[in-house]
Amino acid sequence: PAGAEDFDTEWLSLTLGVKLVANVGEALAHLRE
C-alpha cells in the first residue's frame, strides 16, 4: 500500500507508484500536488 509520502518520492529504483483517476483533470490535479 502507498504511504503518505510515496507519491512525492523520486524512486531511482525498480519501484512504481500506481493510482487510479477519473479523468485528465484529476490526473493534472495529482501532478500539481
ModelCIF file with pLDDT and N, C-alpha, C, O atoms, coordinates in Angstrom:
data_MODEL
#
_entry.id   MODEL 
#
_entity.id                         1 
_entity.type                       polymer 
_entity.pdbx_number_of_molecules   1 
#
_entity_poly.entity_id                      1 
_entity_poly.type                           'polypeptide(L)' 
_entity_poly.nstd_linkage                   no 
_entity_poly.nstd_monomer                   no 
_entity_poly.pdbx_seq_one_letter_code       PAGAEDFDTEWLSLTLGVKLVANVGEALAHLRE 
_entity_poly.pdbx_seq_one_letter_code_can   PAGAEDFDTEWLSLTLGVKLVANVGEALAHLRE 
_entity_poly.pdbx_strand_id                 A 
#
loop_
_entity_poly_seq.entity_id 
_entity_poly_seq.num 
_entity_poly_seq.mon_id 
_entity_poly_seq.hetero 
1 1  PRO n 
1 2  ALA n 
1 3  GLY n 
1 4  ALA n 
1 5  GLU n 
1 6  ASP n 
1 7  PHE n 
1 8  ASP n 
1 9  THR n 
1 10 GLU n 
1 11 TRP n 
1 12 LEU n 
1 13 SER n 
1 14 LEU n 
1 15 THR n 
1 16 LEU n 
1 17 GLY n 
1 18 VAL n 
1 19 LYS n 
1 20 LEU n 
1 21 VAL n 
1 22 ALA n 
1 23 ASN n 
1 24 VAL n 
1 25 GLY n 
1 26 GLU n 
1 27 ALA n 
1 28 LEU n 
1 29 ALA n 
1 30 HIS n 
1 31 LEU n 
1 32 ARG n 
1 33 GLU n 
#
_struct_asym.id          A 
_struct_asym.entity_id   1 
#
loop_
_ma_qa_metric.id 
_ma_qa_metric.mode 
_ma_qa_metric.name 
_ma_qa_metric.software_group_id 
_ma_qa_metric.type 
1 global pLDDT . pLDDT 
2 local  pLDDT . pLDDT 
#
_ma_qa_metric_global.metric_id      1 
_ma_qa_metric_global.metric_value   93.73 
_ma_qa_metric_global.model_id       1 
_ma_qa_metric_global.ordinal_id     1 
#
loop_
_ma_qa_metric_local.label_asym_id 
_ma_qa_metric_local.label_comp_id 
_ma_qa_metric_local.label_seq_id 
_ma_qa_metric_local.metric_id 
_ma_qa_metric_local.metric_value 
_ma_qa_metric_local.model_id 
_ma_qa_metric_local.ordinal_id 
A PRO 1  2 96.00 1 1  
A ALA 2  2 94.00 1 2  
A GLY 3  2 92.00 1 3  
A ALA 4  2 85.00 1 4  
A GLU 5  2 91.00 1 5  
A ASP 6  2 94.00 1 6  
A PHE 7  2 94.00 1 7  
A ASP 8  2 92.00 1 8  
A THR 9  2 90.00 1 9  
A GLU 10 2 89.00 1 10 
A TRP 11 2 91.00 1 11 
A LEU 12 2 86.00 1 12 
A SER 13 2 90.00 1 13 
A LEU 14 2 93.00 1 14 
A THR 15 2 96.00 1 15 
A LEU 16 2 97.00 1 16 
A GLY 17 2 97.00 1 17 
A VAL 18 2 97.00 1 18 
A LYS 19 2 97.00 1 19 
A LEU 20 2 97.00 1 20 
A VAL 21 2 97.00 1 21 
A ALA 22 2 96.00 1 22 
A ASN 23 2 97.00 1 23 
A VAL 24 2 97.00 1 24 
A GLY 25 2 96.00 1 25 
A GLU 26 2 96.00 1 26 
A ALA 27 2 96.00 1 27 
A LEU 28 2 95.00 1 28 
A ALA 29 2 95.00 1 29 
A HIS 30 2 95.00 1 30 
A LEU 31 2 93.00 1 31 
A ARG 32 2 91.00 1 32 
A GLU 33 2 91.00 1 33 
#
loop_
_atom_site.group_PDB 
_atom_site.id 
_atom_site.type_symbol 
_atom_site.label_atom_id 
_atom_site.label_alt_id 
_atom_site.label_comp_id 
_atom_site.label_asym_id 
_atom_site.label_entity_id 
_atom_site.label_seq_id 
_atom_site.pdbx_PDB_ins_code 
_atom_site.Cartn_x 
_atom_site.Cartn_y 
_atom_site.Cartn_z 
_atom_site.occupancy 
_atom_site.B_iso_or_equiv 
_atom_site.pdbx_formal_charge 
_atom_site.auth_seq_id 
_atom_site.auth_comp_id 
_atom_site.auth_asym_id 
_atom_site.auth_atom_id 
_atom_site.pdbx_PDB_model_num 
ATOM 1   N N  . PRO A 1 1  ? 0.829   -1.212 0.000   1.00 96.00 ? 1  PRO A N  1 
ATOM 2   C CA . PRO A 1 1  ? 0.000   0.000  0.000   1.00 96.00 ? 1  PRO A CA 1 
ATOM 3   C C  . PRO A 1 1  ? 0.860   1.259  0.000   1.00 96.00 ? 1  PRO A C  1 
ATOM 4   O O  . PRO A 1 1  ? 1.953   1.276  0.566   1.00 96.00 ? 1  PRO A O  1 
ATOM 5   N N  . ALA A 1 2  ? 0.364   2.293  -0.630  1.00 94.00 ? 2  ALA A N  1 
ATOM 6   C CA . ALA A 1 2  ? 1.088   3.561  -0.677  1.00 94.00 ? 2  ALA A CA 1 
ATOM 7   C C  . ALA A 1 2  ? 0.981   4.284  0.662   1.00 94.00 ? 2  ALA A C  1 
ATOM 8   O O  . ALA A 1 2  ? -0.093  4.360  1.259   1.00 94.00 ? 2  ALA A O  1 
ATOM 9   N N  . GLY A 1 3  ? 2.116   4.813  1.124   1.00 92.00 ? 3  GLY A N  1 
ATOM 10  C CA . GLY A 1 3  ? 2.135   5.616  2.340   1.00 92.00 ? 3  GLY A CA 1 
ATOM 11  C C  . GLY A 1 3  ? 1.959   7.086  2.031   1.00 92.00 ? 3  GLY A C  1 
ATOM 12  O O  . GLY A 1 3  ? 1.784   7.475  0.876   1.00 92.00 ? 3  GLY A O  1 
ATOM 13  N N  . ALA A 1 4  ? 2.006   7.899  3.067   1.00 85.00 ? 4  ALA A N  1 
ATOM 14  C CA . ALA A 1 4  ? 1.722   9.325  2.938   1.00 85.00 ? 4  ALA A CA 1 
ATOM 15  C C  . ALA A 1 4  ? 2.686   10.041 1.995   1.00 85.00 ? 4  ALA A C  1 
ATOM 16  O O  . ALA A 1 4  ? 2.277   10.967 1.295   1.00 85.00 ? 4  ALA A O  1 
ATOM 17  N N  . GLU A 1 5  ? 3.958   9.633  1.958   1.00 91.00 ? 5  GLU A N  1 
ATOM 18  C CA . GLU A 1 5  ? 4.968   10.338 1.174   1.00 91.00 ? 5  GLU A CA 1 
ATOM 19  C C  . GLU A 1 5  ? 5.303   9.651  -0.149  1.00 91.00 ? 5  GLU A C  1 
ATOM 20  O O  . GLU A 1 5  ? 6.111   10.168 -0.921  1.00 91.00 ? 5  GLU A O  1 
ATOM 21  N N  . ASP A 1 6  ? 4.706   8.514  -0.418  1.00 94.00 ? 6  ASP A N  1 
ATOM 22  C CA . ASP A 1 6  ? 5.156   7.721  -1.560  1.00 94.00 ? 6  ASP A CA 1 
ATOM 23  C C  . ASP A 1 6  ? 4.940   8.398  -2.911  1.00 94.00 ? 6  ASP A C  1 
ATOM 24  O O  . ASP A 1 6  ? 5.755   8.232  -3.818  1.00 94.00 ? 6  ASP A O  1 
ATOM 25  N N  . PHE A 1 7  ? 3.869   9.148  -3.058  1.00 94.00 ? 7  PHE A N  1 
ATOM 26  C CA . PHE A 1 7  ? 3.626   9.803  -4.344  1.00 94.00 ? 7  PHE A CA 1 
ATOM 27  C C  . PHE A 1 7  ? 4.428   11.096 -4.501  1.00 94.00 ? 7  PHE A C  1 
ATOM 28  O O  . PHE A 1 7  ? 4.319   11.781 -5.518  1.00 94.00 ? 7  PHE A O  1 
ATOM 29  N N  . ASP A 1 8  ? 5.234   11.423 -3.489  1.00 92.00 ? 8  ASP A N  1 
ATOM 30  C CA . ASP A 1 8  ? 6.161   12.546 -3.588  1.00 92.00 ? 8  ASP A CA 1 
ATOM 31  C C  . ASP A 1 8  ? 7.602   12.059 -3.715  1.00 92.00 ? 8  ASP A C  1 
ATOM 32  O O  . ASP A 1 8  ? 8.539   12.848 -3.598  1.00 92.00 ? 8  ASP A O  1 
ATOM 33  N N  . THR A 1 9  ? 7.778   10.773 -3.953  1.00 90.00 ? 9  THR A N  1 
ATOM 34  C CA . THR A 1 9  ? 9.106   10.163 -3.944  1.00 90.00 ? 9  THR A CA 1 
ATOM 35  C C  . THR A 1 9  ? 9.638   9.952  -5.356  1.00 90.00 ? 9  THR A C  1 
ATOM 36  O O  . THR A 1 9  ? 8.957   9.394  -6.216  1.00 90.00 ? 9  THR A O  1 
ATOM 37  N N  . GLU A 1 10 ? 10.863  10.408 -5.576  1.00 89.00 ? 10 GLU A N  1 
ATOM 38  C CA . GLU A 1 10 ? 11.592  10.077 -6.801  1.00 89.00 ? 10 GLU A CA 1 
ATOM 39  C C  . GLU A 1 10 ? 12.326  8.764  -6.506  1.00 89.00 ? 10 GLU A C  1 
ATOM 40  O O  . GLU A 1 10 ? 13.323  8.764  -5.784  1.00 89.00 ? 10 GLU A O  1 
ATOM 41  N N  . TRP A 1 11 ? 11.846  7.660  -7.055  1.00 91.00 ? 11 TRP A N  1 
ATOM 42  C CA . TRP A 1 11 ? 12.274  6.342  -6.595  1.00 91.00 ? 11 TRP A CA 1 
ATOM 43  C C  . TRP A 1 11 ? 13.721  6.019  -6.932  1.00 91.00 ? 11 TRP A C  1 
ATOM 44  O O  . TRP A 1 11 ? 14.450  5.506  -6.083  1.00 91.00 ? 11 TRP A O  1 
ATOM 45  N N  . LEU A 1 12 ? 14.149  6.309  -8.154  1.00 86.00 ? 12 LEU A N  1 
ATOM 46  C CA . LEU A 1 12 ? 15.512  5.985  -8.605  1.00 86.00 ? 12 LEU A CA 1 
ATOM 47  C C  . LEU A 1 12 ? 15.819  4.493  -8.462  1.00 86.00 ? 12 LEU A C  1 
ATOM 48  O O  . LEU A 1 12 ? 16.969  4.100  -8.267  1.00 86.00 ? 12 LEU A O  1 
ATOM 49  N N  . SER A 1 13 ? 14.785  3.679  -8.560  1.00 90.00 ? 13 SER A N  1 
ATOM 50  C CA . SER A 1 13 ? 14.930  2.228  -8.391  1.00 90.00 ? 13 SER A CA 1 
ATOM 51  C C  . SER A 1 13 ? 13.746  1.544  -9.074  1.00 90.00 ? 13 SER A C  1 
ATOM 52  O O  . SER A 1 13 ? 12.887  2.211  -9.653  1.00 90.00 ? 13 SER A O  1 
ATOM 53  N N  . LEU A 1 14 ? 13.704  0.217  -9.005  1.00 93.00 ? 14 LEU A N  1 
ATOM 54  C CA . LEU A 1 14 ? 12.608  -0.538 -9.614  1.00 93.00 ? 14 LEU A CA 1 
ATOM 55  C C  . LEU A 1 14 ? 11.385  -0.538 -8.706  1.00 93.00 ? 14 LEU A C  1 
ATOM 56  O O  . LEU A 1 14 ? 10.960  -1.580 -8.208  1.00 93.00 ? 14 LEU A O  1 
ATOM 57  N N  . THR A 1 15 ? 10.836  0.643  -8.505  1.00 96.00 ? 15 THR A N  1 
ATOM 58  C CA . THR A 1 15 ? 9.617   0.854  -7.716  1.00 96.00 ? 15 THR A CA 1 
ATOM 59  C C  . THR A 1 15 ? 8.728   1.815  -8.490  1.00 96.00 ? 15 THR A C  1 
ATOM 60  O O  . THR A 1 15 ? 9.214   2.779  -9.081  1.00 96.00 ? 15 THR A O  1 
ATOM 61  N N  . LEU A 1 16 ? 7.424   1.553  -8.487  1.00 97.00 ? 16 LEU A N  1 
ATOM 62  C CA . LEU A 1 16 ? 6.493   2.368  -9.257  1.00 97.00 ? 16 LEU A CA 1 
ATOM 63  C C  . LEU A 1 16 ? 5.219   2.617  -8.467  1.00 97.00 ? 16 LEU A C  1 
ATOM 64  O O  . LEU A 1 16 ? 4.567   1.673  -8.020  1.00 97.00 ? 16 LEU A O  1 
ATOM 65  N N  . GLY A 1 17 ? 4.867   3.871  -8.296  1.00 97.00 ? 17 GLY A N  1 
ATOM 66  C CA . GLY A 1 17 ? 3.594   4.225  -7.685  1.00 97.00 ? 17 GLY A CA 1 
ATOM 67  C C  . GLY A 1 17 ? 2.466   4.065  -8.692  1.00 97.00 ? 17 GLY A C  1 
ATOM 68  O O  . GLY A 1 17 ? 2.643   4.360  -9.874  1.00 97.00 ? 17 GLY A O  1 
ATOM 69  N N  . VAL A 1 18 ? 1.294   3.595  -8.230  1.00 97.00 ? 18 VAL A N  1 
ATOM 70  C CA . VAL A 1 18 ? 0.152   3.392  -9.128  1.00 97.00 ? 18 VAL A CA 1 
ATOM 71  C C  . VAL A 1 18 ? -1.102  3.969  -8.473  1.00 97.00 ? 18 VAL A C  1 
ATOM 72  O O  . VAL A 1 18 ? -1.382  3.718  -7.301  1.00 97.00 ? 18 VAL A O  1 
ATOM 73  N N  . LYS A 1 19 ? -1.847  4.745  -9.255  1.00 97.00 ? 19 LYS A N  1 
ATOM 74  C CA . LYS A 1 19 ? -3.069  5.362  -8.741  1.00 97.00 ? 19 LYS A CA 1 
ATOM 75  C C  . LYS A 1 19 ? -4.112  5.433  -9.851  1.00 97.00 ? 19 LYS A C  1 
ATOM 76  O O  . LYS A 1 19 ? -3.771  5.654  -11.014 1.00 97.00 ? 19 LYS A O  1 
ATOM 77  N N  . LEU A 1 20 ? -5.388  5.245  -9.492  1.00 97.00 ? 20 LEU A N  1 
ATOM 78  C CA . LEU A 1 20 ? -6.480  5.390  -10.450 1.00 97.00 ? 20 LEU A CA 1 
ATOM 79  C C  . LEU A 1 20 ? -7.035  6.808  -10.371 1.00 97.00 ? 20 LEU A C  1 
ATOM 80  O O  . LEU A 1 20 ? -7.136  7.394  -9.293  1.00 97.00 ? 20 LEU A O  1 
ATOM 81  N N  . VAL A 1 21 ? -7.396  7.353  -11.549 1.00 97.00 ? 21 VAL A N  1 
ATOM 82  C CA . VAL A 1 21 ? -8.001  8.688  -11.603 1.00 97.00 ? 21 VAL A CA 1 
ATOM 83  C C  . VAL A 1 21 ? -9.218  8.632  -12.521 1.00 97.00 ? 21 VAL A C  1 
ATOM 84  O O  . VAL A 1 21 ? -9.345  7.734  -13.354 1.00 97.00 ? 21 VAL A O  1 
ATOM 85  N N  . ALA A 1 22 ? -10.119 9.620  -12.353 1.00 96.00 ? 22 ALA A N  1 
ATOM 86  C CA . ALA A 1 22 ? -11.389 9.596  -13.083 1.00 96.00 ? 22 ALA A CA 1 
ATOM 87  C C  . ALA A 1 22 ? -11.290 10.202 -14.471 1.00 96.00 ? 22 ALA A C  1 
ATOM 88  O O  . ALA A 1 22 ? -12.078 9.854  -15.350 1.00 96.00 ? 22 ALA A O  1 
ATOM 89  N N  . ASN A 1 23 ? -10.317 11.123 -14.690 1.00 97.00 ? 23 ASN A N  1 
ATOM 90  C CA . ASN A 1 23 ? -10.228 11.829 -15.971 1.00 97.00 ? 23 ASN A CA 1 
ATOM 91  C C  . ASN A 1 23 ? -8.906  12.592 -16.062 1.00 97.00 ? 23 ASN A C  1 
ATOM 92  O O  . ASN A 1 23 ? -8.077  12.536 -15.154 1.00 97.00 ? 23 ASN A O  1 
ATOM 93  N N  . VAL A 1 24 ? -8.726  13.301 -17.168 1.00 97.00 ? 24 VAL A N  1 
ATOM 94  C CA . VAL A 1 24 ? -7.489  14.063 -17.370 1.00 97.00 ? 24 VAL A CA 1 
ATOM 95  C C  . VAL A 1 24 ? -7.346  15.140 -16.296 1.00 97.00 ? 24 VAL A C  1 
ATOM 96  O O  . VAL A 1 24 ? -6.251  15.364 -15.780 1.00 97.00 ? 24 VAL A O  1 
ATOM 97  N N  . GLY A 1 25 ? -8.439  15.797 -15.964 1.00 96.00 ? 25 GLY A N  1 
ATOM 98  C CA . GLY A 1 25 ? -8.386  16.851 -14.956 1.00 96.00 ? 25 GLY A CA 1 
ATOM 99  C C  . GLY A 1 25 ? -7.889  16.343 -13.609 1.00 96.00 ? 25 GLY A C  1 
ATOM 100 O O  . GLY A 1 25 ? -7.114  17.020 -12.933 1.00 96.00 ? 25 GLY A O  1 
ATOM 101 N N  . GLU A 1 26 ? -8.337  15.149 -13.218 1.00 96.00 ? 26 GLU A N  1 
ATOM 102 C CA . GLU A 1 26 ? -7.894  14.574 -11.945 1.00 96.00 ? 26 GLU A CA 1 
ATOM 103 C C  . GLU A 1 26 ? -6.419  14.178 -12.019 1.00 96.00 ? 26 GLU A C  1 
ATOM 104 O O  . GLU A 1 26 ? -5.688  14.289 -11.035 1.00 96.00 ? 26 GLU A O  1 
ATOM 105 N N  . ALA A 1 27 ? -5.993  13.717 -13.187 1.00 96.00 ? 27 ALA A N  1 
ATOM 106 C CA . ALA A 1 27 ? -4.574  13.393 -13.369 1.00 96.00 ? 27 ALA A CA 1 
ATOM 107 C C  . ALA A 1 27 ? -3.725  14.650 -13.225 1.00 96.00 ? 27 ALA A C  1 
ATOM 108 O O  . ALA A 1 27 ? -2.684  14.623 -12.568 1.00 96.00 ? 27 ALA A O  1 
ATOM 109 N N  . LEU A 1 28 ? -4.159  15.748 -13.834 1.00 95.00 ? 28 LEU A N  1 
ATOM 110 C CA . LEU A 1 28 ? -3.419  17.005 -13.744 1.00 95.00 ? 28 LEU A CA 1 
ATOM 111 C C  . LEU A 1 28 ? -3.402  17.538 -12.309 1.00 95.00 ? 28 LEU A C  1 
ATOM 112 O O  . LEU A 1 28 ? -2.402  18.104 -11.866 1.00 95.00 ? 28 LEU A O  1 
ATOM 113 N N  . ALA A 1 29 ? -4.492  17.359 -11.598 1.00 95.00 ? 29 ALA A N  1 
ATOM 114 C CA . ALA A 1 29 ? -4.539  17.787 -10.195 1.00 95.00 ? 29 ALA A CA 1 
ATOM 115 C C  . ALA A 1 29 ? -3.510  17.019 -9.374  1.00 95.00 ? 29 ALA A C  1 
ATOM 116 O O  . ALA A 1 29 ? -2.859  17.588 -8.497  1.00 95.00 ? 29 ALA A O  1 
ATOM 117 N N  . HIS A 1 30 ? -3.364  15.732 -9.658  1.00 95.00 ? 30 HIS A N  1 
ATOM 118 C CA . HIS A 1 30 ? -2.347  14.923 -8.959  1.00 95.00 ? 30 HIS A CA 1 
ATOM 119 C C  . HIS A 1 30 ? -0.946  15.446 -9.282  1.00 95.00 ? 30 HIS A C  1 
ATOM 120 O O  . HIS A 1 30 ? -0.105  15.550 -8.389  1.00 95.00 ? 30 HIS A O  1 
ATOM 121 N N  . LEU A 1 31 ? -0.689  15.772 -10.547 1.00 93.00 ? 31 LEU A N  1 
ATOM 122 C CA . LEU A 1 31 ? 0.616   16.294 -10.942 1.00 93.00 ? 31 LEU A CA 1 
ATOM 123 C C  . LEU A 1 31 ? 0.940   17.579 -10.193 1.00 93.00 ? 31 LEU A C  1 
ATOM 124 O O  . LEU A 1 31 ? 2.058   17.760 -9.710  1.00 93.00 ? 31 LEU A O  1 
ATOM 125 N N  . ARG A 1 32 ? -0.047  18.473 -10.099 1.00 91.00 ? 32 ARG A N  1 
ATOM 126 C CA . ARG A 1 32 ? 0.200   19.761 -9.430  1.00 91.00 ? 32 ARG A CA 1 
ATOM 127 C C  . ARG A 1 32 ? 0.509   19.571 -7.952  1.00 91.00 ? 32 ARG A C  1 
ATOM 128 O O  . ARG A 1 32 ? 1.287   20.331 -7.376  1.00 91.00 ? 32 ARG A O  1 
ATOM 129 N N  . GLU A 1 33 ? -0.096  18.561 -7.338  1.00 91.00 ? 33 GLU A N  1 
ATOM 130 C CA . GLU A 1 33 ? 0.099   18.341 -5.902  1.00 91.00 ? 33 GLU A CA 1 
ATOM 131 C C  . GLU A 1 33 ? 1.396   17.622 -5.590  1.00 91.00 ? 33 GLU A C  1 
ATOM 132 O O  . GLU A 1 33 ? 1.696   17.367 -4.423  1.00 91.00 ? 33 GLU A O  1 
#
